[in-house]
Amino acid sequence: MRALLATRMEYTRATQRAATIGQGMAFLFGLAGLFSNPFLLFHRVLRLDLRGAGGEPGADEVVVRRHSGPPRDGDGVPGARPGDPLQRAVDLVLRGFQQDFPVIERDRAVGILTRGALIQALSTDGPQVPVERRMTREFETAQANEMLEPAFARLQVCGCHTAIVTHEGRVAGLLTMDNLGSSC
């Protein structure tokens, strides 16, 4: 069904629509099963069909935090500016579980500060060194509506842990090997 719908609309929208139709069909088959075999209703429809159809849309696209508008200097995306001291990244690590951080300038990613680079810089340079001296200027990106499989393949090829997710060129989130593993 998704393939047929994808000939007429964007792939991610076709996935959503196919999942909705699948859930509707599961519900109808569930009603039919209620009259023939109630155990089959519970096992097949409620446990497998509804759960499977509901999980399909999220498995196919990069999931990023949606904003009411375009992010401004990484609003909602923990990151640092090139001139920020490394202490900013340390503070972000202590507040959450994120290990790599986009370096953002005027809504655009200009680099990435990895956990390894942060630890090495702290031990040699101290927490007041500007982020731009330790950031990596070459990094992987993924589009917000991109399929997971090619993004995952690029991360594997480069040996990177994190890709910066962009929407219309602006930073919209991060895609890591950790959250890819939890999505697949």
N, C-alpha and C. Protein backbone atom coordinates (compact mmCIF):
# COMPACT_ATOMS: atom_id res chain seq x y z
N MET A 1 0.83 -1.18 0.00
CA MET A 1 0.00 0.00 0.00
C MET A 1 0.88 1.25 0.00
N ARG A 2 1.94 1.22 0.81
CA ARG A 2 2.81 2.39 0.88
C ARG A 2 3.44 2.68 -0.48
N ALA A 3 3.88 1.65 -1.18
CA ALA A 3 4.51 1.85 -2.48
C ALA A 3 3.52 2.48 -3.47
N LEU A 4 2.29 2.02 -3.44
CA LEU A 4 1.27 2.58 -4.32
C LEU A 4 1.01 4.05 -3.98
N LEU A 5 0.86 4.36 -2.70
CA LEU A 5 0.64 5.75 -2.28
C LEU A 5 1.85 6.63 -2.59
N ALA A 6 3.04 6.06 -2.50
CA ALA A 6 4.26 6.84 -2.74
C ALA A 6 4.39 7.29 -4.18
N THR A 7 3.65 6.68 -5.09
CA THR A 7 3.68 7.14 -6.48
C THR A 7 2.94 8.46 -6.64
N ARG A 8 2.10 8.81 -5.66
CA ARG A 8 1.29 10.02 -5.75
C ARG A 8 1.62 11.08 -4.71
N MET A 9 2.46 10.73 -3.70
CA MET A 9 2.77 11.69 -2.64
C MET A 9 4.15 11.39 -2.08
N GLU A 10 4.65 12.29 -1.24
CA GLU A 10 5.95 12.12 -0.60
C GLU A 10 5.98 10.81 0.18
N TYR A 11 7.14 10.16 0.20
CA TYR A 11 7.28 8.84 0.79
C TYR A 11 6.89 8.80 2.26
N THR A 12 7.35 9.78 3.04
CA THR A 12 7.03 9.75 4.48
C THR A 12 5.53 9.96 4.71
N ARG A 13 4.90 10.79 3.89
CA ARG A 13 3.45 10.98 4.01
C ARG A 13 2.71 9.71 3.59
N ALA A 14 3.22 9.04 2.56
CA ALA A 14 2.62 7.78 2.12
C ALA A 14 2.74 6.72 3.23
N THR A 15 3.86 6.73 3.94
CA THR A 15 4.04 5.78 5.05
C THR A 15 3.02 6.05 6.14
N GLN A 16 2.83 7.32 6.49
CA GLN A 16 1.85 7.68 7.51
C GLN A 16 0.44 7.25 7.09
N ARG A 17 0.09 7.55 5.86
CA ARG A 17 -1.25 7.21 5.37
C ARG A 17 -1.46 5.69 5.33
N ALA A 18 -0.45 4.94 4.87
CA ALA A 18 -0.56 3.48 4.81
C ALA A 18 -0.70 2.90 6.23
N ALA A 19 0.03 3.47 7.19
CA ALA A 19 -0.08 2.99 8.57
C ALA A 19 -1.47 3.26 9.13
N THR A 20 -2.02 4.42 8.82
CA THR A 20 -3.37 4.76 9.30
C THR A 20 -4.40 3.80 8.70
N ILE A 21 -4.26 3.54 7.42
CA ILE A 21 -5.18 2.60 6.76
C ILE A 21 -5.01 1.21 7.36
N GLY A 22 -3.76 0.82 7.62
CA GLY A 22 -3.50 -0.49 8.22
C GLY A 22 -4.12 -0.62 9.61
N GLN A 23 -4.04 0.46 10.39
CA GLN A 23 -4.66 0.43 11.71
C GLN A 23 -6.18 0.32 11.60
N GLY A 24 -6.74 1.03 10.63
CA GLY A 24 -8.19 0.95 10.42
C GLY A 24 -8.62 -0.46 10.02
N MET A 25 -7.84 -1.08 9.14
CA MET A 25 -8.16 -2.45 8.72
C MET A 25 -8.03 -3.41 9.90
N ALA A 26 -7.00 -3.20 10.73
CA ALA A 26 -6.82 -4.05 11.91
C ALA A 26 -8.02 -3.93 12.84
N PHE A 27 -8.52 -2.72 12.98
CA PHE A 27 -9.70 -2.51 13.83
C PHE A 27 -10.91 -3.24 13.26
N LEU A 28 -11.12 -3.12 11.94
CA LEU A 28 -12.26 -3.82 11.31
C LEU A 28 -12.14 -5.33 11.43
N PHE A 29 -10.92 -5.85 11.20
CA PHE A 29 -10.73 -7.29 11.36
C PHE A 29 -10.92 -7.70 12.82
N GLY A 30 -10.57 -6.80 13.72
CA GLY A 30 -10.78 -7.07 15.14
C GLY A 30 -12.25 -7.21 15.47
N LEU A 31 -13.08 -6.33 14.90
CA LEU A 31 -14.52 -6.45 15.12
C LEU A 31 -15.05 -7.76 14.56
N ALA A 32 -14.56 -8.14 13.38
CA ALA A 32 -14.99 -9.42 12.80
C ALA A 32 -14.53 -10.57 13.69
N GLY A 33 -13.30 -10.48 14.21
CA GLY A 33 -12.78 -11.53 15.07
C GLY A 33 -13.51 -11.63 16.39
N LEU A 34 -14.07 -10.54 16.86
CA LEU A 34 -14.81 -10.54 18.11
C LEU A 34 -15.99 -11.51 18.05
N PHE A 35 -16.59 -11.61 16.87
CA PHE A 35 -17.75 -12.49 16.72
C PHE A 35 -17.35 -13.93 16.44
N SER A 36 -16.14 -14.16 15.94
CA SER A 36 -15.76 -15.54 15.63
C SER A 36 -14.84 -16.15 16.68
N ASN A 37 -13.81 -15.42 17.14
CA ASN A 37 -12.87 -15.96 18.11
C ASN A 37 -12.25 -14.82 18.90
N PRO A 38 -12.75 -14.49 20.08
CA PRO A 38 -12.24 -13.36 20.86
C PRO A 38 -10.76 -13.46 21.21
N PHE A 39 -10.24 -14.67 21.42
CA PHE A 39 -8.82 -14.81 21.73
C PHE A 39 -7.98 -14.34 20.55
N LEU A 40 -8.41 -14.68 19.36
CA LEU A 40 -7.70 -14.24 18.15
C LEU A 40 -7.69 -12.72 18.07
N LEU A 41 -8.77 -12.09 18.46
CA LEU A 41 -8.85 -10.63 18.48
C LEU A 41 -7.74 -10.06 19.35
N PHE A 42 -7.62 -10.54 20.56
CA PHE A 42 -6.61 -10.00 21.46
C PHE A 42 -5.20 -10.24 20.93
N HIS A 43 -4.91 -11.47 20.57
CA HIS A 43 -3.55 -11.80 20.17
C HIS A 43 -3.14 -11.17 18.86
N ARG A 44 -3.93 -11.37 17.85
CA ARG A 44 -3.53 -10.93 16.51
C ARG A 44 -3.70 -9.43 16.29
N VAL A 45 -4.87 -8.93 16.55
CA VAL A 45 -5.16 -7.55 16.20
C VAL A 45 -4.56 -6.57 17.19
N LEU A 46 -4.88 -6.72 18.45
CA LEU A 46 -4.43 -5.74 19.42
C LEU A 46 -2.91 -5.79 19.64
N ARG A 47 -2.35 -6.99 19.74
CA ARG A 47 -0.93 -7.09 20.05
C ARG A 47 -0.05 -6.87 18.85
N LEU A 48 -0.41 -7.42 17.71
CA LEU A 48 0.50 -7.37 16.57
C LEU A 48 0.14 -6.29 15.55
N ASP A 49 -1.08 -6.31 15.06
CA ASP A 49 -1.43 -5.42 13.96
C ASP A 49 -1.42 -3.95 14.36
N LEU A 50 -2.09 -3.60 15.47
CA LEU A 50 -2.14 -2.19 15.86
C LEU A 50 -0.76 -1.67 16.26
N ARG A 51 -0.02 -2.47 17.02
CA ARG A 51 1.30 -2.03 17.45
C ARG A 51 2.24 -1.91 16.26
N GLY A 52 2.21 -2.89 15.36
CA GLY A 52 3.08 -2.85 14.19
C GLY A 52 2.75 -1.71 13.26
N ALA A 53 1.47 -1.50 12.99
CA ALA A 53 1.08 -0.41 12.09
C ALA A 53 1.39 0.93 12.70
N GLY A 54 1.27 1.06 13.99
CA GLY A 54 1.56 2.34 14.63
C GLY A 54 3.04 2.66 14.68
N GLY A 55 3.90 1.64 14.66
CA GLY A 55 5.34 1.88 14.74
C GLY A 55 6.01 2.10 13.41
N GLU A 56 5.36 1.74 12.33
CA GLU A 56 5.96 1.82 11.01
C GLU A 56 6.37 3.22 10.58
N PRO A 57 5.56 4.25 10.77
CA PRO A 57 5.97 5.56 10.26
C PRO A 57 7.25 6.08 10.90
N GLY A 58 7.43 5.87 12.17
CA GLY A 58 8.61 6.39 12.84
C GLY A 58 9.88 5.64 12.47
N ALA A 59 9.75 4.41 11.99
CA ALA A 59 10.92 3.63 11.65
C ALA A 59 11.53 4.06 10.33
N ASP A 60 10.81 4.81 9.53
CA ASP A 60 11.28 5.12 8.20
C ASP A 60 11.89 6.49 8.01
N GLU A 61 11.75 7.36 8.95
CA GLU A 61 12.31 8.68 8.74
C GLU A 61 13.13 9.12 9.93
N VAL A 62 14.03 10.02 9.68
CA VAL A 62 14.83 10.58 10.75
C VAL A 62 13.89 11.35 11.67
N VAL A 63 13.95 11.05 12.94
CA VAL A 63 13.07 11.72 13.89
C VAL A 63 13.85 12.86 14.52
N VAL A 64 13.40 14.07 14.32
CA VAL A 64 14.03 15.23 14.92
C VAL A 64 12.99 15.98 15.71
N ARG A 65 13.46 16.76 16.66
CA ARG A 65 12.56 17.59 17.43
C ARG A 65 11.93 18.62 16.51
N ARG A 66 10.63 18.71 16.48
CA ARG A 66 9.93 19.68 15.63
C ARG A 66 9.76 20.98 16.39
N HIS A 67 9.97 22.07 15.71
CA HIS A 67 9.85 23.38 16.31
C HIS A 67 8.64 24.08 15.70
N SER A 68 8.14 25.06 16.41
CA SER A 68 7.03 25.83 15.87
C SER A 68 7.50 26.67 14.69
N GLY A 69 8.74 26.95 14.61
CA GLY A 69 9.32 27.68 13.50
C GLY A 69 10.74 27.20 13.32
N PRO A 70 11.50 27.82 12.43
CA PRO A 70 12.89 27.38 12.25
C PRO A 70 13.71 27.66 13.51
N PRO A 71 14.62 26.76 13.86
CA PRO A 71 15.42 27.00 15.05
C PRO A 71 16.32 28.21 14.86
N ARG A 72 16.50 28.99 15.89
CA ARG A 72 17.37 30.17 15.84
C ARG A 72 18.57 29.90 16.72
N ASP A 73 19.75 29.90 16.11
CA ASP A 73 20.99 29.58 16.83
C ASP A 73 20.83 28.30 17.64
N GLY A 74 20.14 27.33 17.06
CA GLY A 74 20.03 26.03 17.69
C GLY A 74 19.04 25.95 18.83
N ASP A 75 18.01 26.82 18.85
CA ASP A 75 16.99 26.72 19.89
C ASP A 75 16.49 25.28 19.97
N GLY A 76 16.50 24.70 21.15
CA GLY A 76 16.01 23.35 21.34
C GLY A 76 17.04 22.29 20.99
N VAL A 77 18.15 22.65 20.39
CA VAL A 77 19.20 21.71 20.05
C VAL A 77 20.42 22.09 20.87
N PRO A 78 20.78 21.28 21.88
CA PRO A 78 21.93 21.63 22.69
C PRO A 78 23.19 21.72 21.83
N GLY A 79 23.82 22.86 21.85
CA GLY A 79 25.02 23.07 21.06
C GLY A 79 25.80 24.25 21.60
N ALA A 80 26.84 24.61 20.88
CA ALA A 80 27.70 25.71 21.31
C ALA A 80 27.99 26.61 20.11
N ARG A 81 28.42 27.81 20.41
CA ARG A 81 28.88 28.74 19.38
C ARG A 81 30.40 28.63 19.29
N PRO A 82 31.00 29.00 18.17
CA PRO A 82 32.45 28.87 18.04
C PRO A 82 33.24 29.58 19.13
N GLY A 83 32.78 30.73 19.59
CA GLY A 83 33.52 31.47 20.61
C GLY A 83 33.25 31.06 22.04
N ASP A 84 32.28 30.16 22.25
CA ASP A 84 31.99 29.69 23.61
C ASP A 84 33.18 28.93 24.19
N PRO A 85 33.38 29.03 25.50
CA PRO A 85 34.43 28.22 26.12
C PRO A 85 33.99 26.75 26.18
N LEU A 86 34.97 25.87 26.26
CA LEU A 86 34.66 24.44 26.36
C LEU A 86 33.77 24.14 27.56
N GLN A 87 33.81 24.99 28.56
CA GLN A 87 32.98 24.80 29.75
C GLN A 87 31.50 24.72 29.37
N ARG A 88 31.08 25.41 28.31
CA ARG A 88 29.69 25.34 27.84
C ARG A 88 29.31 23.90 27.49
N ALA A 89 30.19 23.21 26.77
CA ALA A 89 29.94 21.81 26.42
C ALA A 89 29.94 20.93 27.66
N VAL A 90 30.82 21.20 28.60
CA VAL A 90 30.84 20.44 29.86
C VAL A 90 29.51 20.60 30.57
N ASP A 91 29.00 21.82 30.63
CA ASP A 91 27.71 22.07 31.27
C ASP A 91 26.60 21.30 30.56
N LEU A 92 26.66 21.24 29.23
CA LEU A 92 25.63 20.50 28.48
C LEU A 92 25.72 19.01 28.75
N VAL A 93 26.93 18.48 28.85
CA VAL A 93 27.11 17.05 29.16
C VAL A 93 26.51 16.75 30.53
N LEU A 94 26.75 17.62 31.49
CA LEU A 94 26.26 17.39 32.85
C LEU A 94 24.74 17.50 32.95
N ARG A 95 24.12 18.26 32.05
CA ARG A 95 22.66 18.43 32.07
C ARG A 95 21.91 17.32 31.34
N GLY A 96 22.57 16.57 30.50
CA GLY A 96 21.86 15.57 29.71
C GLY A 96 22.74 14.38 29.37
N PHE A 97 22.31 13.65 28.36
CA PHE A 97 23.04 12.45 27.98
C PHE A 97 23.77 12.61 26.65
N GLN A 98 23.67 13.77 26.03
CA GLN A 98 24.29 14.01 24.74
C GLN A 98 25.80 14.04 24.89
N GLN A 99 26.50 13.45 23.89
CA GLN A 99 27.95 13.38 23.98
C GLN A 99 28.66 14.23 22.92
N ASP A 100 28.02 14.47 21.81
CA ASP A 100 28.58 15.30 20.74
C ASP A 100 27.67 16.50 20.55
N PHE A 101 28.26 17.63 20.17
CA PHE A 101 27.47 18.86 20.09
C PHE A 101 27.73 19.59 18.78
N PRO A 102 26.65 20.06 18.14
CA PRO A 102 26.87 20.89 16.95
C PRO A 102 27.42 22.25 17.37
N VAL A 103 28.29 22.77 16.54
CA VAL A 103 28.78 24.13 16.75
C VAL A 103 28.00 24.98 15.75
N ILE A 104 27.23 25.92 16.29
CA ILE A 104 26.22 26.63 15.49
C ILE A 104 26.56 28.12 15.43
N GLU A 105 26.49 28.63 14.21
CA GLU A 105 26.69 30.06 14.01
C GLU A 105 25.61 30.54 13.04
N ARG A 106 24.77 31.48 13.49
CA ARG A 106 23.66 32.00 12.70
C ARG A 106 22.80 30.87 12.10
N ASP A 107 22.32 29.99 12.94
CA ASP A 107 21.43 28.88 12.58
C ASP A 107 22.09 27.76 11.78
N ARG A 108 23.32 27.91 11.40
CA ARG A 108 24.00 26.94 10.54
C ARG A 108 25.09 26.21 11.32
N ALA A 109 25.23 24.92 11.03
CA ALA A 109 26.29 24.14 11.66
C ALA A 109 27.62 24.48 10.98
N VAL A 110 28.61 24.82 11.78
CA VAL A 110 29.94 25.11 11.24
C VAL A 110 30.96 24.07 11.71
N GLY A 111 30.51 23.18 12.60
CA GLY A 111 31.40 22.14 13.09
C GLY A 111 30.69 21.28 14.10
N ILE A 112 31.44 20.32 14.62
CA ILE A 112 30.91 19.45 15.67
C ILE A 112 32.00 19.25 16.71
N LEU A 113 31.61 19.28 17.96
CA LEU A 113 32.54 19.04 19.06
C LEU A 113 32.21 17.66 19.62
N THR A 114 33.12 16.72 19.41
CA THR A 114 32.88 15.36 19.87
C THR A 114 33.31 15.21 21.32
N ARG A 115 32.80 14.20 21.95
CA ARG A 115 33.13 13.93 23.35
C ARG A 115 34.63 13.69 23.51
N GLY A 116 35.21 12.92 22.58
CA GLY A 116 36.64 12.64 22.64
C GLY A 116 37.48 13.91 22.54
N ALA A 117 37.12 14.79 21.61
CA ALA A 117 37.85 16.05 21.46
C ALA A 117 37.68 16.93 22.70
N LEU A 118 36.48 16.91 23.28
CA LEU A 118 36.22 17.69 24.49
C LEU A 118 37.09 17.21 25.65
N ILE A 119 37.14 15.91 25.86
CA ILE A 119 37.93 15.36 26.97
C ILE A 119 39.42 15.65 26.77
N GLN A 120 39.90 15.45 25.55
CA GLN A 120 41.31 15.73 25.27
C GLN A 120 41.64 17.21 25.48
N ALA A 121 40.77 18.09 25.00
CA ALA A 121 41.00 19.53 25.14
C ALA A 121 40.96 19.96 26.61
N LEU A 122 40.06 19.39 27.38
CA LEU A 122 39.99 19.75 28.81
C LEU A 122 41.26 19.35 29.53
N SER A 123 41.81 18.20 29.17
CA SER A 123 43.02 17.74 29.86
C SER A 123 44.26 18.51 29.43
N THR A 124 44.29 19.03 28.22
CA THR A 124 45.48 19.73 27.76
C THR A 124 45.35 21.25 27.80
N ASP A 125 44.16 21.78 27.52
CA ASP A 125 43.98 23.22 27.38
C ASP A 125 43.17 23.88 28.49
N GLY A 126 42.30 23.12 29.12
CA GLY A 126 41.45 23.70 30.16
C GLY A 126 40.09 24.11 29.63
N PRO A 127 39.16 24.45 30.54
CA PRO A 127 37.77 24.70 30.16
C PRO A 127 37.50 26.06 29.51
N GLN A 128 38.47 26.97 29.49
CA GLN A 128 38.21 28.31 28.93
C GLN A 128 38.61 28.45 27.47
N VAL A 129 39.18 27.40 26.87
CA VAL A 129 39.57 27.45 25.45
C VAL A 129 38.31 27.53 24.60
N PRO A 130 38.32 28.37 23.56
CA PRO A 130 37.14 28.46 22.69
C PRO A 130 36.86 27.15 21.96
N VAL A 131 35.59 26.84 21.81
CA VAL A 131 35.14 25.63 21.14
C VAL A 131 35.74 25.53 19.73
N GLU A 132 35.84 26.65 19.01
CA GLU A 132 36.30 26.62 17.62
C GLU A 132 37.71 26.06 17.49
N ARG A 133 38.51 26.08 18.54
CA ARG A 133 39.87 25.53 18.46
C ARG A 133 39.88 24.02 18.54
N ARG A 134 38.81 23.41 19.02
CA ARG A 134 38.75 21.95 19.18
C ARG A 134 37.64 21.28 18.38
N MET A 135 36.83 22.06 17.69
CA MET A 135 35.73 21.46 16.92
C MET A 135 36.27 20.85 15.62
N THR A 136 35.53 19.92 15.09
CA THR A 136 35.84 19.31 13.80
C THR A 136 35.00 20.01 12.75
N ARG A 137 35.64 20.49 11.72
CA ARG A 137 34.92 21.24 10.69
C ARG A 137 34.33 20.34 9.61
N GLU A 138 34.75 19.10 9.57
CA GLU A 138 34.18 18.13 8.63
C GLU A 138 33.26 17.21 9.42
N PHE A 139 32.00 17.15 9.02
CA PHE A 139 31.02 16.37 9.76
C PHE A 139 29.93 15.90 8.80
N GLU A 140 29.24 14.86 9.22
CA GLU A 140 28.14 14.32 8.44
C GLU A 140 26.86 15.08 8.74
N THR A 141 26.01 15.20 7.75
CA THR A 141 24.69 15.80 7.95
C THR A 141 23.63 14.84 7.42
N ALA A 142 22.43 15.03 7.89
CA ALA A 142 21.26 14.30 7.41
C ALA A 142 20.12 15.30 7.30
N GLN A 143 19.30 15.14 6.31
CA GLN A 143 18.14 16.01 6.16
C GLN A 143 17.04 15.53 7.10
N ALA A 144 16.22 16.44 7.58
CA ALA A 144 15.18 16.10 8.56
C ALA A 144 14.18 15.09 8.01
N ASN A 145 13.96 15.07 6.70
CA ASN A 145 12.99 14.13 6.13
C ASN A 145 13.66 12.97 5.42
N GLU A 146 14.94 12.78 5.66
CA GLU A 146 15.71 11.72 5.01
C GLU A 146 15.40 10.36 5.63
N MET A 147 15.51 9.33 4.84
CA MET A 147 15.32 7.97 5.32
C MET A 147 16.50 7.58 6.22
N LEU A 148 16.24 6.75 7.22
CA LEU A 148 17.28 6.36 8.17
C LEU A 148 18.40 5.55 7.54
N GLU A 149 18.06 4.67 6.63
CA GLU A 149 19.04 3.74 6.08
C GLU A 149 20.25 4.44 5.44
N PRO A 150 20.05 5.41 4.53
CA PRO A 150 21.23 6.07 3.96
C PRO A 150 22.01 6.90 4.99
N ALA A 151 21.33 7.51 5.93
CA ALA A 151 22.02 8.27 6.97
C ALA A 151 22.88 7.34 7.82
N PHE A 152 22.33 6.20 8.18
CA PHE A 152 23.05 5.20 8.96
C PHE A 152 24.27 4.70 8.18
N ALA A 153 24.09 4.45 6.89
CA ALA A 153 25.19 3.96 6.06
C ALA A 153 26.33 4.99 6.01
N ARG A 154 26.00 6.27 5.89
CA ARG A 154 27.03 7.31 5.87
C ARG A 154 27.79 7.36 7.19
N LEU A 155 27.08 7.21 8.30
CA LEU A 155 27.76 7.20 9.60
C LEU A 155 28.71 6.02 9.72
N GLN A 156 28.31 4.87 9.20
CA GLN A 156 29.17 3.70 9.25
C GLN A 156 30.40 3.88 8.37
N VAL A 157 30.22 4.42 7.18
CA VAL A 157 31.34 4.59 6.25
C VAL A 157 32.38 5.55 6.82
N CYS A 158 31.93 6.66 7.40
CA CYS A 158 32.90 7.65 7.90
C CYS A 158 33.43 7.29 9.29
N GLY A 159 32.82 6.31 9.94
CA GLY A 159 33.24 5.97 11.29
C GLY A 159 32.83 7.03 12.30
N CYS A 160 31.83 7.81 11.94
CA CYS A 160 31.35 8.89 12.80
C CYS A 160 30.30 8.35 13.77
N HIS A 161 30.13 9.05 14.85
CA HIS A 161 29.12 8.69 15.83
C HIS A 161 27.86 9.53 15.65
N THR A 162 28.02 10.74 15.10
CA THR A 162 26.92 11.70 15.08
C THR A 162 26.82 12.41 13.74
N ALA A 163 25.59 12.62 13.28
CA ALA A 163 25.32 13.47 12.12
C ALA A 163 24.43 14.62 12.59
N ILE A 164 24.67 15.78 12.05
CA ILE A 164 23.85 16.94 12.38
C ILE A 164 22.66 16.95 11.42
N VAL A 165 21.46 16.96 11.99
CA VAL A 165 20.24 16.96 11.19
C VAL A 165 19.88 18.40 10.86
N THR A 166 19.62 18.64 9.58
CA THR A 166 19.28 19.99 9.15
C THR A 166 17.91 20.00 8.46
N HIS A 167 17.29 21.15 8.52
CA HIS A 167 16.04 21.39 7.81
C HIS A 167 16.18 22.75 7.15
N GLU A 168 16.17 22.75 5.83
CA GLU A 168 16.37 23.97 5.05
C GLU A 168 17.68 24.66 5.45
N GLY A 169 18.72 23.86 5.69
CA GLY A 169 20.04 24.37 6.01
C GLY A 169 20.26 24.72 7.47
N ARG A 170 19.21 24.77 8.25
CA ARG A 170 19.33 25.12 9.67
C ARG A 170 19.43 23.87 10.53
N VAL A 171 20.13 23.98 11.65
CA VAL A 171 20.26 22.85 12.56
C VAL A 171 18.91 22.54 13.18
N ALA A 172 18.50 21.28 13.07
CA ALA A 172 17.20 20.87 13.60
C ALA A 172 17.34 19.77 14.65
N GLY A 173 18.51 19.14 14.75
CA GLY A 173 18.69 18.08 15.72
C GLY A 173 19.95 17.29 15.45
N LEU A 174 20.09 16.20 16.17
CA LEU A 174 21.24 15.31 16.01
C LEU A 174 20.76 13.90 15.78
N LEU A 175 21.50 13.17 14.98
CA LEU A 175 21.25 11.75 14.77
C LEU A 175 22.51 11.03 15.18
N THR A 176 22.41 10.18 16.18
CA THR A 176 23.60 9.47 16.67
C THR A 176 23.43 7.98 16.46
N MET A 177 24.54 7.28 16.51
CA MET A 177 24.50 5.83 16.41
C MET A 177 23.65 5.27 17.57
N ASP A 178 23.64 5.96 18.71
CA ASP A 178 22.85 5.52 19.84
C ASP A 178 21.36 5.62 19.55
N ASN A 179 20.89 6.79 19.05
CA ASN A 179 19.46 6.88 18.80
C ASN A 179 19.04 6.16 17.53
N LEU A 180 19.97 5.89 16.62
CA LEU A 180 19.65 5.03 15.49
C LEU A 180 19.40 3.62 15.97
N GLY A 181 20.25 3.16 16.90
CA GLY A 181 20.08 1.82 17.44
C GLY A 181 18.77 1.65 18.15
N SER A 182 18.29 2.70 18.83
CA SER A 182 17.03 2.59 19.55
C SER A 182 15.83 2.73 18.62
N SER A 183 16.02 3.28 17.40
CA SER A 183 14.92 3.45 16.46
C SER A 183 14.71 2.26 15.57
N CYS A 184 15.78 1.49 15.36
CA CYS A 184 15.72 0.37 14.41
C CYS A 184 15.24 -0.89 15.07
